[in-house]
Amino acid sequence: MQVRGCRVSEPIRQPWGGACRIVEWIDTTGQISRRVVAEDVTAAEVRATINRHVEGRKHFLYDDEQTPRQVLPRQTAVRR
């Protein structure tokens, strides 16, 4: 898989011990993807993570008004 850019976060400490990092990359179509990896991840493991990524929700760098948006249903306020 070809990517336009990739970055790995600083270690994020967990309150219960241990740490993790976030790998974030942008593919050639502008889709941003993120995965959580171990704190001691190597460059080879980052490449493997990107290559075996399973697509989920998609987020793009541009804002297309024609694209349907996911919205949460609004609840009507109950007056007492």
Protein backbone atom coordinates (compact mmCIF):
# COMPACT_ATOMS: atom_id res chain seq x y z
CA MET A 1 0.00 0.00 0.00
CA GLN A 2 1.29 3.46 -0.83
CA VAL A 3 0.78 6.28 1.66
CA ARG A 4 1.20 10.05 1.44
CA GLY A 5 2.29 10.35 5.04
CA CYS A 6 2.57 8.49 8.30
CA ARG A 7 3.24 9.43 11.92
CA VAL A 8 3.57 7.57 15.18
CA SER A 9 2.57 9.25 18.44
CA GLU A 10 4.62 9.53 21.58
CA PRO A 11 3.82 6.76 24.10
CA ILE A 12 0.43 7.21 25.74
CA ARG A 13 0.53 6.01 29.34
CA GLN A 14 -2.40 3.93 30.55
CA PRO A 15 -3.74 4.53 34.10
CA TRP A 16 -3.54 0.79 34.83
CA GLY A 17 0.06 0.47 33.58
CA GLY A 18 1.71 -0.03 30.24
CA ALA A 19 1.57 2.25 27.23
CA CYS A 20 0.58 2.33 23.59
CA ARG A 21 1.09 4.52 20.52
CA ILE A 22 -1.23 5.64 17.72
CA VAL A 23 -0.13 5.09 14.13
CA GLU A 24 -1.84 7.48 11.73
CA TRP A 25 -1.44 7.51 7.96
CA ILE A 26 -2.97 9.06 4.85
CA ASP A 27 -3.30 7.00 1.70
CA THR A 28 -3.03 8.35 -1.84
CA THR A 29 -6.80 9.03 -2.02
CA GLY A 30 -6.78 11.18 1.14
CA GLN A 31 -8.27 8.63 3.52
CA ILE A 32 -6.97 8.94 7.08
CA SER A 33 -6.51 5.71 9.03
CA ARG A 34 -5.42 5.11 12.61
CA ARG A 35 -4.42 2.05 14.62
CA VAL A 36 -3.27 1.54 18.19
CA VAL A 37 0.01 -0.35 18.55
CA ALA A 38 2.37 -1.36 21.36
CA GLU A 39 4.68 1.21 22.91
CA ASP A 40 7.82 -0.54 21.62
CA VAL A 41 6.65 -0.87 18.00
CA THR A 42 9.36 -1.09 15.32
CA ALA A 43 9.34 0.50 11.86
CA ALA A 44 8.76 -2.96 10.32
CA GLU A 45 5.74 -3.51 12.58
CA VAL A 46 4.31 -0.10 11.60
CA ARG A 47 4.62 -1.06 7.90
CA ALA A 48 2.96 -4.43 8.60
CA THR A 49 0.13 -2.69 10.51
CA ILE A 50 -0.55 -0.38 7.57
CA ASN A 51 -0.41 -3.24 5.03
CA ARG A 52 -2.90 -5.45 6.89
CA HIS A 53 -5.33 -2.66 7.77
CA VAL A 54 -9.01 -3.56 7.43
CA GLU A 55 -11.14 -0.69 6.19
CA GLY A 56 -13.76 0.65 8.55
CA ARG A 57 -15.38 4.08 8.68
CA LYS A 58 -13.87 6.46 6.15
CA HIS A 59 -12.75 10.02 6.80
CA PHE A 60 -11.47 12.27 4.02
CA LEU A 61 -9.40 15.45 4.09
CA TYR A 62 -11.92 17.40 2.03
CA ASP A 63 -15.45 18.41 2.98
CA ASP A 64 -17.90 17.32 0.29
CA GLU A 65 -21.39 18.71 0.92
CA GLN A 66 -22.89 16.04 -1.37
CA THR A 67 -21.64 13.21 0.84
CA PRO A 68 -24.25 11.92 3.30
CA ARG A 69 -23.29 12.53 6.91
CA GLN A 70 -23.71 10.22 9.85
CA VAL A 71 -25.73 11.98 12.53
CA LEU A 72 -27.08 10.91 15.86
CA PRO A 73 -30.86 11.07 16.24
CA ARG A 74 -32.03 14.01 18.32
CA GLN A 75 -34.14 13.40 21.36
CA THR A 76 -37.02 15.68 22.03
CA ALA A 77 -36.88 17.44 25.36
CA VAL A 78 -39.51 16.40 27.86
CA ARG A 79 -40.95 19.35 29.77
CA ARG A 80 -42.23 18.80 33.23
